[in-house]
Amino acid sequence: MSFDKTITVALTGASGIQYGLRLIECLVQANCRVYVLMSKPARVVMGMDTDQPVPARTADVQRDFSERYGAADAQLFAFGQEQWTAPIASGSGAPDAMVICPCTTGTLAAVAAGNCNNLLERAADVVLKERRQLIIMPREMPFSTIHLENMLRLATAGALIMPPNPAFYNLPKTVDDIINFVVARVLEQLNVKQTLMPAWGAEIISTDE
């Protein structure tokens, strides 16, 4: 089976893991191959912020996420932080894009410094050097000068900085509505078709027609 794109989604230990989980679900539904990286702190946050079972091992992440999101065979893979044989550790296996969602300020700093101490950091480094798309979604408030300087450094290197800031013009009624707004904006940046929310002004254009 062929897939339209290959996207790496990295989940780190910031609050807001719901954004990353919904993104994985939508990418699977959009016929993308998805590589998942999940740090140990992300598992802690998942247990605090959601009512989903927390996968204990990388193999559990792959199995549980594949079943939960209805992934086809060979569509979703999860890699451990020390799995240096993973394709995303090399430029020859670089994905079309990588999204760090949510991104801790520690991960932000490590990627900005070019650290490659684990697979997540190396994967981000590979995406940057291969001139692929890197989307970083820092989830912190307020930002310190250090955080802002790291974001500027990464933006200058070609990364797209997308703090998960929802809008409210769509009059969200549930938490899912807020999550969907943010994830829809990410999917648009990835050039992946989304049906989570209409484009701004779509109702007016439809009425005029």
C-alpha atoms as a PDB file:
ATOM      1  CA  MET A   1       0.000   0.000   0.000  1.00  0.00           C
ATOM      2  CA  SER A   2       1.307   3.451  -0.869  1.00  0.00           C
ATOM      3  CA  PHE A   3       0.952   6.503   1.343  1.00  0.00           C
ATOM      4  CA  ASP A   4       0.664  10.143   0.331  1.00  0.00           C
ATOM      5  CA  LYS A   5       3.235  11.525   2.756  1.00  0.00           C
ATOM      6  CA  THR A   6       5.476  10.399   5.599  1.00  0.00           C
ATOM      7  CA  ILE A   7       5.206  12.542   8.708  1.00  0.00           C
ATOM      8  CA  THR A   8       7.039  12.203  12.028  1.00  0.00           C
ATOM      9  CA  VAL A   9       5.063  13.294  15.091  1.00  0.00           C
ATOM     10  CA  ALA A  10       7.068  13.745  18.287  1.00  0.00           C
ATOM     11  CA  LEU A  11       5.241  13.952  21.617  1.00  0.00           C
ATOM     12  CA  THR A  12       7.183  15.540  24.486  1.00  0.00           C
ATOM     13  CA  GLY A  13       6.367  16.248  28.105  1.00  0.00           C
ATOM     14  CA  ALA A  14       4.510  19.547  27.813  1.00  0.00           C
ATOM     15  CA  SER A  15       0.829  19.819  28.597  1.00  0.00           C
ATOM     16  CA  GLY A  16      -1.278  19.656  25.448  1.00  0.00           C
ATOM     17  CA  ILE A  17      -0.582  16.124  24.293  1.00  0.00           C
ATOM     18  CA  GLN A  18      -4.168  16.064  22.998  1.00  0.00           C
ATOM     19  CA  TYR A  19      -3.003  18.136  20.039  1.00  0.00           C
ATOM     20  CA  GLY A  20      -0.408  15.553  19.087  1.00  0.00           C
ATOM     21  CA  LEU A  21      -2.765  12.624  19.515  1.00  0.00           C
ATOM     22  CA  ARG A  22      -5.441  14.237  17.339  1.00  0.00           C
ATOM     23  CA  LEU A  23      -2.799  15.083  14.743  1.00  0.00           C
ATOM     24  CA  ILE A  24      -1.700  11.442  14.570  1.00  0.00           C
ATOM     25  CA  GLU A  25      -5.322  10.366  14.171  1.00  0.00           C
ATOM     26  CA  CYS A  26      -5.928  12.837  11.346  1.00  0.00           C
ATOM     27  CA  LEU A  27      -2.720  11.937   9.522  1.00  0.00           C
ATOM     28  CA  VAL A  28      -3.644   8.257   9.595  1.00  0.00           C
ATOM     29  CA  GLN A  29      -7.102   9.085   8.242  1.00  0.00           C
ATOM     30  CA  ALA A  30      -5.477  11.196   5.498  1.00  0.00           C
ATOM     31  CA  ASN A  31      -3.456   8.186   4.251  1.00  0.00           C
ATOM     32  CA  CYS A  32      -0.116   9.394   5.579  1.00  0.00           C
ATOM     33  CA  ARG A  33       2.554   7.122   6.968  1.00  0.00           C
ATOM     34  CA  VAL A  34       3.218   8.244  10.534  1.00  0.00           C
ATOM     35  CA  TYR A  35       6.371   7.821  12.592  1.00  0.00           C
ATOM     36  CA  VAL A  36       5.732   8.386  16.300  1.00  0.00           C
ATOM     37  CA  LEU A  37       8.295   9.443  18.891  1.00  0.00           C
ATOM     38  CA  MET A  38       7.084   9.565  22.482  1.00  0.00           C
ATOM     39  CA  SER A  39       9.344  10.609  25.334  1.00  0.00           C
ATOM     40  CA  LYS A  40       8.996   9.235  28.860  1.00  0.00           C
ATOM     41  CA  PRO A  41       7.766  12.631  30.159  1.00  0.00           C
ATOM     42  CA  ALA A  42       5.117  12.568  27.408  1.00  0.00           C
ATOM     43  CA  ARG A  43       3.792   9.332  28.854  1.00  0.00           C
ATOM     44  CA  VAL A  44       3.531  11.005  32.258  1.00  0.00           C
ATOM     45  CA  VAL A  45       1.630  13.932  30.752  1.00  0.00           C
ATOM     46  CA  MET A  46      -0.652  11.571  28.831  1.00  0.00           C
ATOM     47  CA  GLY A  47      -1.610   9.940  32.116  1.00  0.00           C
ATOM     48  CA  MET A  48      -2.343  13.334  33.685  1.00  0.00           C
ATOM     49  CA  ASP A  49      -4.049  15.098  30.778  1.00  0.00           C
ATOM     50  CA  THR A  50      -6.111  12.313  29.193  1.00  0.00           C
ATOM     51  CA  ASP A  51      -8.178   9.310  30.133  1.00  0.00           C
ATOM     52  CA  GLN A  52      -6.449   7.120  27.548  1.00  0.00           C
ATOM     53  CA  PRO A  53      -4.337   4.158  28.650  1.00  0.00           C
ATOM     54  CA  VAL A  54      -0.670   5.111  28.775  1.00  0.00           C
ATOM     55  CA  PRO A  55       1.568   2.825  26.700  1.00  0.00           C
ATOM     56  CA  ALA A  56       4.433   1.549  28.823  1.00  0.00           C
ATOM     57  CA  ARG A  57       6.792   0.587  25.993  1.00  0.00           C
ATOM     58  CA  THR A  58       7.484   1.727  22.460  1.00  0.00           C
ATOM     59  CA  ALA A  59       5.976  -1.492  21.097  1.00  0.00           C
ATOM     60  CA  ASP A  60       2.811  -0.701  23.053  1.00  0.00           C
ATOM     61  CA  VAL A  61       2.692   2.779  21.518  1.00  0.00           C
ATOM     62  CA  GLN A  62       2.804   1.309  18.025  1.00  0.00           C
ATOM     63  CA  ARG A  63       0.211  -1.366  18.719  1.00  0.00           C
ATOM     64  CA  ASP A  64      -2.166   0.790  20.773  1.00  0.00           C
ATOM     65  CA  PHE A  65      -2.065   3.797  18.450  1.00  0.00           C
ATOM     66  CA  SER A  66      -2.438   1.626  15.341  1.00  0.00           C
ATOM     67  CA  GLU A  67      -5.526  -0.035  16.792  1.00  0.00           C
ATOM     68  CA  ARG A  68      -7.026   3.161  18.211  1.00  0.00           C
ATOM     69  CA  TYR A  69      -6.644   5.154  14.998  1.00  0.00           C
ATOM     70  CA  GLY A  70      -7.334   2.344  12.538  1.00  0.00           C
ATOM     71  CA  ALA A  71      -3.919   2.383  10.869  1.00  0.00           C
ATOM     72  CA  ALA A  72      -3.326   0.073   7.934  1.00  0.00           C
ATOM     73  CA  ASP A  73      -0.449  -2.388   7.824  1.00  0.00           C
ATOM     74  CA  ALA A  74       2.921  -0.597   7.774  1.00  0.00           C
ATOM     75  CA  GLN A  75       1.242   2.794   8.203  1.00  0.00           C
ATOM     76  CA  LEU A  76       2.193   3.703  11.775  1.00  0.00           C
ATOM     77  CA  PHE A  77       5.543   3.025  13.417  1.00  0.00           C
ATOM     78  CA  ALA A  78       6.805   4.044  16.858  1.00  0.00           C
ATOM     79  CA  PHE A  79      10.504   4.370  17.632  1.00  0.00           C
ATOM     80  CA  GLY A  80      12.348   4.476  20.932  1.00  0.00           C
ATOM     81  CA  GLN A  81      14.602   7.340  21.924  1.00  0.00           C
ATOM     82  CA  GLU A  82      17.709   5.162  21.565  1.00  0.00           C
ATOM     83  CA  GLN A  83      16.648   3.414  18.361  1.00  0.00           C
ATOM     84  CA  TRP A  84      19.428   4.738  16.136  1.00  0.00           C
ATOM     85  CA  THR A  85      18.607   2.278  13.342  1.00  0.00           C
ATOM     86  CA  ALA A  86      15.276   4.046  12.736  1.00  0.00           C
ATOM     87  CA  PRO A  87      15.012   5.587   9.238  1.00  0.00           C
ATOM     88  CA  ILE A  88      14.520   9.082  10.676  1.00  0.00           C
ATOM     89  CA  ALA A  89      18.042   8.983  12.148  1.00  0.00           C
ATOM     90  CA  SER A  90      19.521   9.426   8.667  1.00  0.00           C
ATOM     91  CA  GLY A  91      19.083  11.908   5.868  1.00  0.00           C
ATOM     92  CA  SER A  92      18.455   9.042   3.460  1.00  0.00           C
ATOM     93  CA  GLY A  93      15.348   8.127   5.481  1.00  0.00           C
ATOM     94  CA  ALA A  94      14.110  11.626   6.276  1.00  0.00           C
ATOM     95  CA  PRO A  95      10.318  12.050   6.292  1.00  0.00           C
ATOM     96  CA  ASP A  96       8.481  14.719   4.323  1.00  0.00           C
ATOM     97  CA  ALA A  97       7.906  16.657   7.543  1.00  0.00           C
ATOM     98  CA  MET A  98       8.222  16.467  11.315  1.00  0.00           C
ATOM     99  CA  VAL A  99       5.967  18.022  13.950  1.00  0.00           C
ATOM    100  CA  ILE A 100       6.991  18.317  17.603  1.00  0.00           C
ATOM    101  CA  CYS A 101       3.618  18.598  19.275  1.00  0.00           C
ATOM    102  CA  PRO A 102       3.619  19.622  22.043  1.00  0.00           C
ATOM    103  CA  CYS A 103       7.206  20.825  22.403  1.00  0.00           C
ATOM    104  CA  THR A 104       8.803  21.441  25.790  1.00  0.00           C
ATOM    105  CA  THR A 105      11.180  24.355  26.161  1.00  0.00           C
ATOM    106  CA  GLY A 106      13.892  21.810  26.935  1.00  0.00           C
ATOM    107  CA  THR A 107      13.351  20.077  23.597  1.00  0.00           C
ATOM    108  CA  LEU A 108      13.171  23.490  21.928  1.00  0.00           C
ATOM    109  CA  ALA A 109      16.581  24.381  23.366  1.00  0.00           C
ATOM    110  CA  ALA A 110      18.120  21.031  22.419  1.00  0.00           C
ATOM    111  CA  VAL A 111      16.950  21.241  18.801  1.00  0.00           C
ATOM    112  CA  ALA A 112      18.031  24.885  18.545  1.00  0.00           C
ATOM    113  CA  ALA A 113      21.504  23.917  19.783  1.00  0.00           C
ATOM    114  CA  GLY A 114      21.780  21.022  17.326  1.00  0.00           C
ATOM    115  CA  ASN A 115      22.000  18.415  20.075  1.00  0.00           C
ATOM    116  CA  CYS A 116      21.518  14.823  18.997  1.00  0.00           C
ATOM    117  CA  ASN A 117      21.448  13.086  22.362  1.00  0.00           C
ATOM    118  CA  ASN A 118      18.374  11.025  21.529  1.00  0.00           C
ATOM    119  CA  LEU A 119      16.429  10.003  18.431  1.00  0.00           C
ATOM    120  CA  LEU A 120      13.942  12.863  18.714  1.00  0.00           C
ATOM    121  CA  GLU A 121      16.686  15.485  18.678  1.00  0.00           C
ATOM    122  CA  ARG A 122      18.520  13.699  15.872  1.00  0.00           C
ATOM    123  CA  ALA A 123      15.338  13.362  13.816  1.00  0.00           C
ATOM    124  CA  ALA A 124      14.703  17.105  14.089  1.00  0.00           C
ATOM    125  CA  ASP A 125      18.320  17.808  13.164  1.00  0.00           C
ATOM    126  CA  VAL A 126      17.996  15.575  10.089  1.00  0.00           C
ATOM    127  CA  VAL A 127      14.806  17.289   8.953  1.00  0.00           C
ATOM    128  CA  LEU A 128      16.485  20.696   9.194  1.00  0.00           C
ATOM    129  CA  LYS A 129      19.665  19.692   7.396  1.00  0.00           C
ATOM    130  CA  GLU A 130      17.716  17.975   4.626  1.00  0.00           C
ATOM    131  CA  ARG A 131      15.577  21.118   4.169  1.00  0.00           C
ATOM    132  CA  ARG A 132      12.373  19.279   5.002  1.00  0.00           C
ATOM    133  CA  GLN A 133       9.523  20.851   6.937  1.00  0.00           C
ATOM    134  CA  LEU A 134       9.936  21.083  10.727  1.00  0.00           C
ATOM    135  CA  ILE A 135       6.989  22.391  12.735  1.00  0.00           C
ATOM    136  CA  ILE A 136       7.600  23.123  16.396  1.00  0.00           C
ATOM    137  CA  MET A 137       4.689  23.751  18.747  1.00  0.00           C
ATOM    138  CA  PRO A 138       6.065  25.139  22.023  1.00  0.00           C
ATOM    139  CA  ARG A 139       3.572  24.891  24.862  1.00  0.00           C
ATOM    140  CA  GLU A 140       4.698  27.318  27.547  1.00  0.00           C
ATOM    141  CA  MET A 141       3.473  30.583  29.031  1.00  0.00           C
ATOM    142  CA  PRO A 142       4.994  33.077  29.422  1.00  0.00           C
ATOM    143  CA  PHE A 143       8.042  32.745  27.166  1.00  0.00           C
ATOM    144  CA  SER A 144      11.395  33.828  28.571  1.00  0.00           C
ATOM    145  CA  THR A 145      13.996  35.641  26.502  1.00  0.00           C
ATOM    146  CA  ILE A 146      15.865  32.333  26.212  1.00  0.00           C
ATOM    147  CA  HIS A 147      12.764  30.623  24.783  1.00  0.00           C
ATOM    148  CA  LEU A 148      12.228  33.434  22.285  1.00  0.00           C
ATOM    149  CA  GLU A 149      15.862  33.406  21.196  1.00  0.00           C
ATOM    150  CA  ASN A 150      15.704  29.647  20.637  1.00  0.00           C
ATOM    151  CA  MET A 151      12.546  30.050  18.555  1.00  0.00           C
ATOM    152  CA  LEU A 152      14.184  32.786  16.492  1.00  0.00           C
ATOM    153  CA  ARG A 153      17.240  30.608  15.929  1.00  0.00           C
ATOM    154  CA  LEU A 154      15.087  27.738  14.703  1.00  0.00           C
ATOM    155  CA  ALA A 155      12.915  29.975  12.544  1.00  0.00           C
ATOM    156  CA  THR A 156      16.049  31.375  10.938  1.00  0.00           C
ATOM    157  CA  ALA A 157      17.186  27.785  10.258  1.00  0.00           C
ATOM    158  CA  GLY A 158      13.921  27.062   8.457  1.00  0.00           C
ATOM    159  CA  ALA A 159      11.624  25.686  11.147  1.00  0.00           C
ATOM    160  CA  LEU A 160       8.035  26.868  11.473  1.00  0.00           C
ATOM    161  CA  ILE A 161       7.098  27.934  15.007  1.00  0.00           C
ATOM    162  CA  MET A 162       3.426  27.272  15.769  1.00  0.00           C
ATOM    163  CA  PRO A 163       2.449  27.733  19.421  1.00  0.00           C
ATOM    164  CA  PRO A 164      -0.898  25.952  19.844  1.00  0.00           C
ATOM    165  CA  ASN A 165      -2.943  29.146  20.145  1.00  0.00           C
ATOM    166  CA  PRO A 166      -6.611  28.534  19.317  1.00  0.00           C
ATOM    167  CA  ALA A 167      -8.897  31.200  17.907  1.00  0.00           C
ATOM    168  CA  PHE A 168     -12.470  31.703  19.083  1.00  0.00           C
ATOM    169  CA  TYR A 169     -14.182  33.194  16.029  1.00  0.00           C
ATOM    170  CA  ASN A 170     -15.547  29.719  15.301  1.00  0.00           C
ATOM    171  CA  LEU A 171     -17.375  29.814  18.678  1.00  0.00           C
ATOM    172  CA  PRO A 172     -15.972  26.554  20.104  1.00  0.00           C
ATOM    173  CA  LYS A 173     -18.377  24.705  22.348  1.00  0.00           C
ATOM    174  CA  THR A 174     -16.130  21.869  23.515  1.00  0.00           C
ATOM    175  CA  VAL A 175     -12.488  21.164  24.226  1.00  0.00           C
ATOM    176  CA  ASP A 176     -12.477  19.045  21.078  1.00  0.00           C
ATOM    177  CA  ASP A 177     -13.465  22.115  19.049  1.00  0.00           C
ATOM    178  CA  ILE A 178     -10.412  23.956  20.397  1.00  0.00           C
ATOM    179  CA  ILE A 179      -8.106  21.009  19.706  1.00  0.00           C
ATOM    180  CA  ASN A 180      -9.503  20.624  16.197  1.00  0.00           C
ATOM    181  CA  PHE A 181      -8.856  24.278  15.356  1.00  0.00           C
ATOM    182  CA  VAL A 182      -5.168  23.997  16.224  1.00  0.00           C
ATOM    183  CA  VAL A 183      -4.704  20.641  14.492  1.00  0.00           C
ATOM    184  CA  ALA A 184      -6.473  21.916  11.375  1.00  0.00           C
ATOM    185  CA  ARG A 185      -3.954  24.755  11.105  1.00  0.00           C
ATOM    186  CA  VAL A 186      -1.086  22.261  11.369  1.00  0.00           C
ATOM    187  CA  LEU A 187      -2.595  20.013   8.699  1.00  0.00           C
ATOM    188  CA  GLU A 188      -2.926  23.010   6.380  1.00  0.00           C
ATOM    189  CA  GLN A 189       0.773  23.799   6.857  1.00  0.00           C
ATOM    190  CA  LEU A 190       1.581  20.168   6.039  1.00  0.00           C
ATOM    191  CA  ASN A 191      -0.575  20.447   2.908  1.00  0.00           C
ATOM    192  CA  VAL A 192      -2.737  17.609   4.166  1.00  0.00           C
ATOM    193  CA  LYS A 193      -6.450  17.917   3.428  1.00  0.00           C
ATOM    194  CA  GLN A 194      -8.504  18.519   6.553  1.00  0.00           C
ATOM    195  CA  THR A 195     -12.203  18.646   7.360  1.00  0.00           C
ATOM    196  CA  LEU A 196     -11.912  19.673  11.012  1.00  0.00           C
ATOM    197  CA  MET A 197     -12.893  23.274  10.351  1.00  0.00           C
ATOM    198  CA  PRO A 198     -13.859  25.451   7.379  1.00  0.00           C
ATOM    199  CA  ALA A 199     -11.528  28.097   6.024  1.00  0.00           C
ATOM    200  CA  TRP A 200     -12.042  31.686   7.136  1.00  0.00           C
ATOM    201  CA  GLY A 201     -14.721  33.275   4.950  1.00  0.00           C
ATOM    202  CA  ALA A 202     -15.851  29.964   3.462  1.00  0.00           C
ATOM    203  CA  GLU A 203     -19.447  30.548   4.573  1.00  0.00           C
ATOM    204  CA  ILE A 204     -19.594  33.947   2.886  1.00  0.00           C
ATOM    205  CA  ILE A 205     -18.187  32.572  -0.381  1.00  0.00           C
ATOM    206  CA  SER A 206     -20.621  29.667  -0.291  1.00  0.00           C
ATOM    207  CA  THR A 207     -23.538  32.073   0.305  1.00  0.00           C
ATOM    208  CA  ASP A 208     -22.447  34.371  -2.514  1.00  0.00           C
ATOM    209  CA  GLU A 209     -22.319  31.486  -4.916  1.00  0.00           C
END
